[in-house]
Amino acid sequence: MFTGIVKGFFPVGRIEKFNELNRITVLLPSNLLEGLETGASIAVNGCCLTVVAFDHESATFDVMKETLRVTNLGALEEGSKVNIERAARFGDEIGGHLLSGHIHDTVRICEIQNEEHNVTVFFQFSPEWKDYILPKGYVSLNGCSLTIGEKVEGGRFCVHLIPETLRITSFGTAEVGDRVNLEIDSQTQAIVTTVKSYLESTKS
């Protein structure tokens, strides 16, 4: 499990491409490598990946066909930077919201509004997620726990980003057209799905 509190964004040092699998090595600082073991989980752009190898300066992950299809990890190049979060441990402060690291889809940045003390980023999303993306609800974008803004309409939603989020995550260098990994809040999904199922059952 993760909390959506990204610890920084770091460069991809190497990508090896095999048949329907990419092996990605991310360069990491020593504090994020401390206590790391093979088999551990790390969120890379919000996607839960398993460490297959590591050394004193990097960690390596295998990204399989389905993950490449659903997420933006297949578009990475050597030198690309990715958001990183180590898995949560018992006793950690949960500053965001609980995340599984299982990406539902990608959304496209369609507009960026730069204001004096924050930035508002608008995303275009697939209609299949419209029931789960609600004003003031939680969402994870490239692994960042964020609150959806007040406007959700026309297949678009927005989030407001403070300077600290822009500094410590890849959103500080984001551009219109970028694809961003989306994880729907699991509690929202469970409640909405249950209500929809109940309403459908009362019609029959």
Protein backbone atom coordinates (compact mmCIF):
# COMPACT_ATOMS: atom_id res chain seq x y z
CA MET A 1 0.00 0.00 0.00
CA PHE A 2 0.99 3.61 -0.57
CA THR A 3 -0.15 7.00 0.68
CA GLY A 4 0.30 9.20 -2.37
CA ILE A 5 3.01 11.30 -0.71
CA VAL A 6 5.69 11.30 -3.38
CA LYS A 7 9.27 11.51 -2.10
CA GLY A 8 10.71 13.05 -5.24
CA PHE A 9 11.10 12.50 -8.97
CA PHE A 10 14.21 10.78 -10.27
CA PRO A 11 15.75 9.88 -13.64
CA VAL A 12 15.45 6.60 -15.50
CA GLY A 13 19.02 5.46 -15.99
CA ARG A 14 18.41 2.50 -18.27
CA ILE A 15 15.63 0.75 -20.19
CA GLU A 16 16.04 -2.75 -21.60
CA LYS A 17 13.27 -3.83 -23.97
CA PHE A 18 12.35 -7.48 -24.36
CA ASN A 19 9.35 -9.20 -25.91
CA GLU A 20 6.36 -7.52 -24.18
CA LEU A 21 8.45 -6.55 -21.15
CA ASN A 22 10.58 -3.53 -20.29
CA ARG A 23 13.24 -3.62 -17.58
CA ILE A 24 13.54 -0.13 -16.11
CA THR A 25 16.34 1.07 -13.83
CA VAL A 26 15.71 4.25 -11.82
CA LEU A 27 18.53 6.20 -10.19
CA LEU A 28 17.67 6.85 -6.53
CA PRO A 29 19.26 8.66 -3.57
CA SER A 30 20.63 6.66 -0.65
CA ASN A 31 17.70 7.44 1.68
CA LEU A 32 15.26 5.73 -0.70
CA LEU A 33 17.54 2.71 -1.08
CA GLU A 34 17.99 2.19 2.67
CA GLY A 35 16.65 -1.19 3.76
CA LEU A 36 15.57 -2.07 0.24
CA GLU A 37 15.24 -5.75 -0.64
CA THR A 38 14.56 -7.70 -3.80
CA GLY A 39 10.80 -8.25 -3.99
CA ALA A 40 9.96 -4.97 -2.28
CA SER A 41 7.28 -2.72 -3.78
CA ILE A 42 7.89 0.83 -4.97
CA ALA A 43 5.40 3.13 -6.67
CA VAL A 44 6.83 4.46 -9.94
CA ASN A 45 4.56 7.21 -11.31
CA GLY A 46 1.97 5.70 -8.99
CA CYS A 47 2.31 2.19 -10.41
CA CYS A 48 3.21 -0.52 -7.90
CA LEU A 49 6.32 -2.29 -9.21
CA THR A 50 8.45 -5.05 -7.72
CA VAL A 51 12.17 -4.54 -7.22
CA VAL A 52 14.04 -7.22 -9.19
CA ALA A 53 17.53 -5.86 -8.54
CA PHE A 54 19.23 -2.92 -6.83
CA ASP A 55 22.63 -1.51 -5.97
CA HIS A 56 23.99 1.53 -4.12
CA GLU A 57 22.53 4.01 -6.63
CA SER A 58 19.53 2.45 -8.37
CA ALA A 59 16.61 0.03 -8.35
CA THR A 60 15.42 -2.08 -11.27
CA PHE A 61 11.87 -3.16 -12.14
CA ASP A 62 10.27 -5.44 -14.73
CA VAL A 63 7.24 -3.84 -16.40
CA MET A 64 5.04 -6.39 -18.12
CA LYS A 65 2.72 -6.12 -21.13
CA GLU A 66 -0.49 -5.17 -19.29
CA THR A 67 1.26 -2.48 -17.24
CA LEU A 68 2.82 -1.05 -20.40
CA ARG A 69 -0.64 -0.94 -21.98
CA VAL A 70 -2.54 0.69 -19.13
CA THR A 71 0.07 3.15 -17.80
CA ASN A 72 2.47 5.77 -19.13
CA LEU A 73 5.52 3.66 -18.25
CA GLY A 74 5.77 2.36 -21.80
CA ALA A 75 6.46 5.90 -23.03
CA LEU A 76 9.46 6.40 -20.74
CA GLU A 77 12.87 7.03 -22.22
CA GLU A 78 16.29 6.97 -20.61
CA GLY A 79 16.57 10.30 -18.82
CA SER A 80 12.82 10.61 -18.19
CA LYS A 81 11.99 11.43 -14.57
CA VAL A 82 9.42 9.49 -12.55
CA ASN A 83 7.66 10.07 -9.23
CA ILE A 84 8.79 7.66 -6.51
CA GLU A 85 7.22 6.47 -3.25
CA ARG A 86 8.37 3.55 -1.09
CA ALA A 87 5.63 1.28 0.24
CA ALA A 88 3.98 2.41 3.47
CA ARG A 89 4.97 0.74 6.72
CA PHE A 90 2.99 0.28 9.92
CA GLY A 91 3.32 3.43 11.99
CA ASP A 92 3.88 5.75 9.03
CA GLU A 93 1.89 8.96 8.94
CA ILE A 94 -0.75 8.83 6.20
CA GLY A 95 -0.70 12.34 4.80
CA GLY A 96 -2.56 11.52 1.60
CA HIS A 97 -4.98 8.62 1.13
CA LEU A 98 -4.52 4.87 0.83
CA LEU A 99 -3.47 3.70 -2.64
CA SER A 100 -2.94 0.26 -4.10
CA GLY A 101 -0.65 1.34 -6.92
CA HIS A 102 -2.95 -0.38 -9.42
CA ILE A 103 -3.48 2.09 -12.24
CA HIS A 104 -6.94 2.28 -13.81
CA ASP A 105 -6.13 4.37 -16.89
CA THR A 106 -4.20 7.36 -18.11
CA VAL A 107 -5.60 10.88 -18.43
CA ARG A 108 -4.26 13.63 -20.70
CA ILE A 109 -3.28 17.11 -19.54
CA CYS A 110 -5.43 19.43 -21.66
CA GLU A 111 -4.80 22.79 -19.97
CA ILE A 112 -2.46 24.36 -17.42
CA GLN A 113 -3.33 27.63 -15.68
CA ASN A 114 -0.44 29.36 -13.94
CA GLU A 115 -1.48 31.61 -11.07
CA GLU A 116 0.52 33.59 -8.51
CA HIS A 117 0.74 30.97 -5.76
CA ASN A 118 -0.53 27.76 -7.36
CA VAL A 119 -1.06 26.00 -10.65
CA THR A 120 -4.32 24.49 -11.85
CA VAL A 121 -4.00 21.50 -14.17
CA PHE A 122 -6.94 20.21 -16.22
CA PHE A 123 -7.22 16.61 -17.37
CA GLN A 124 -9.32 14.91 -20.05
CA PHE A 125 -10.63 11.52 -18.91
CA SER A 126 -12.51 8.59 -20.41
CA PRO A 127 -16.32 8.59 -19.89
CA GLU A 128 -16.11 5.22 -18.13
CA TRP A 129 -14.70 6.98 -15.03
CA LYS A 130 -17.23 9.81 -14.78
CA ASP A 131 -19.10 8.28 -11.83
CA TYR A 132 -15.91 8.03 -9.76
CA ILE A 133 -14.36 11.45 -10.39
CA LEU A 134 -16.25 13.79 -8.07
CA PRO A 135 -15.65 17.39 -6.94
CA LYS A 136 -13.51 17.44 -3.78
CA GLY A 137 -12.95 13.70 -4.03
CA TYR A 138 -9.58 11.98 -3.89
CA VAL A 139 -7.61 10.84 -6.90
CA SER A 140 -4.04 9.68 -7.52
CA LEU A 141 -2.19 11.19 -10.49
CA ASN A 142 1.28 9.82 -11.26
CA GLY A 143 1.27 8.61 -7.66
CA CYS A 144 0.37 11.96 -6.07
CA SER A 145 -2.61 12.02 -3.72
CA LEU A 146 -4.63 15.03 -4.87
CA THR A 147 -8.04 16.58 -4.31
CA ILE A 148 -10.23 17.05 -7.36
CA GLY A 149 -11.26 20.67 -7.97
CA GLU A 150 -14.79 22.03 -8.00
CA LYS A 151 -15.33 21.67 -11.75
CA VAL A 152 -15.92 18.23 -13.24
CA GLU A 153 -17.65 18.66 -16.57
CA GLY A 154 -17.28 17.94 -20.25
CA GLY A 155 -15.04 14.96 -19.58
CA ARG A 156 -12.57 17.20 -17.72
CA PHE A 157 -11.51 17.68 -14.13
CA CYS A 158 -8.85 19.80 -12.47
CA VAL A 159 -6.51 19.77 -9.50
CA HIS A 160 -4.81 22.70 -7.78
CA LEU A 161 -1.10 22.30 -7.10
CA ILE A 162 0.83 24.19 -4.43
CA PRO A 163 4.50 25.17 -4.94
CA GLU A 164 5.76 22.26 -2.80
CA THR A 165 3.97 19.71 -5.00
CA LEU A 166 5.43 21.37 -8.09
CA ARG A 167 8.90 21.28 -6.54
CA ILE A 168 8.99 17.67 -5.40
CA THR A 169 7.04 15.94 -8.21
CA SER A 170 7.11 15.76 -11.99
CA PHE A 171 4.16 18.15 -12.20
CA GLY A 172 6.63 21.03 -12.00
CA THR A 173 7.75 20.20 -15.54
CA ALA A 174 4.44 18.86 -16.90
CA GLU A 175 3.15 20.03 -20.27
CA VAL A 176 -0.14 19.99 -22.14
CA GLY A 177 -0.49 16.65 -23.91
CA ASP A 178 1.31 14.61 -21.24
CA ARG A 179 -0.33 11.32 -20.27
CA VAL A 180 -0.67 10.85 -16.51
CA ASN A 181 -1.43 7.66 -14.58
CA LEU A 182 -4.82 7.66 -12.86
CA GLU A 183 -5.83 5.60 -9.84
CA ILE A 184 -9.42 6.04 -8.70
CA ASP A 185 -9.96 6.23 -4.94
CA SER A 186 -10.91 2.70 -3.87
CA GLN A 187 -13.49 3.82 -1.29
CA THR A 188 -15.23 6.06 -3.81
CA GLN A 189 -15.23 3.23 -6.34
CA ALA A 190 -16.66 0.75 -3.84
CA ILE A 191 -19.45 3.09 -2.69
CA VAL A 192 -20.46 4.19 -6.19
CA THR A 193 -20.38 0.63 -7.55
CA THR A 194 -22.49 -0.63 -4.62
CA VAL A 195 -25.08 2.13 -5.05
CA LYS A 196 -25.25 1.60 -8.81
CA SER A 197 -25.69 -2.14 -8.33
CA TYR A 198 -28.46 -1.57 -5.78
CA LEU A 199 -30.31 0.88 -8.01
CA GLU A 200 -30.08 -1.51 -10.93
CA SER A 201 -31.48 -4.35 -8.80
CA THR A 202 -34.51 -2.26 -7.75
CA LYS A 203 -35.45 -1.73 -11.41
CA SER A 204 -35.86 -5.43 -12.10
